[in-house]
């Protein structure tokens, strides 16, 4: 997976973020040493 694709997926995951007070939605992507990727919202 390219870094552009990873960033794109992190941006898409921001739609799932819940930020009722700050309205500051964050998407995160984590790559492990064995090349697994985890996407989530913060």
Protein backbone atom coordinates (compact mmCIF):
# COMPACT_ATOMS: atom_id res chain seq x y z
CA UNK A 1 0.00 0.00 0.00
CA UNK A 2 1.45 3.37 -0.97
CA UNK A 3 1.64 6.28 1.43
CA UNK A 4 -0.84 8.24 -0.72
CA UNK A 5 -3.33 5.38 -0.39
CA UNK A 6 -2.77 5.20 3.37
CA UNK A 7 -3.35 8.94 3.76
CA UNK A 8 -6.44 8.71 1.59
CA UNK A 9 -7.86 5.95 3.80
CA UNK A 10 -7.09 7.94 6.96
CA UNK A 11 -8.93 10.93 5.50
CA UNK A 12 -11.92 8.71 4.68
CA UNK A 13 -11.94 7.37 8.24
CA UNK A 14 -12.35 10.92 9.57
CA UNK A 15 -16.01 10.70 8.55
CA UNK A 16 -16.48 8.23 11.42
CA UNK A 17 -14.98 10.54 14.05
CA UNK A 18 -17.19 11.86 16.86
CA UNK A 19 -16.19 15.34 17.98
CA UNK A 20 -19.32 17.07 19.31
CA UNK A 21 -17.50 19.91 21.12
CA UNK A 22 -14.35 20.72 19.16
CA UNK A 23 -15.58 19.59 15.71
CA UNK A 24 -11.92 18.64 15.10
CA UNK A 25 -12.05 15.24 13.44
CA UNK A 26 -8.88 13.18 13.15
CA UNK A 27 -8.18 10.04 11.13
CA UNK A 28 -5.12 7.96 11.89
CA UNK A 29 -3.16 5.29 10.04
CA UNK A 30 -0.58 3.06 11.70
CA UNK A 31 1.91 0.82 9.89
CA UNK A 32 3.53 -1.97 11.90
CA UNK A 33 6.99 -3.41 11.32
CA UNK A 34 5.49 -6.40 9.49
CA UNK A 35 3.62 -4.07 7.07
CA UNK A 36 0.16 -4.38 8.62
CA UNK A 37 -1.99 -1.25 8.57
CA UNK A 38 -4.54 -0.11 11.09
CA UNK A 39 -6.93 2.75 10.40
CA UNK A 40 -8.98 4.44 13.09
CA UNK A 41 -10.25 7.76 14.36
CA UNK A 42 -9.01 9.68 17.35
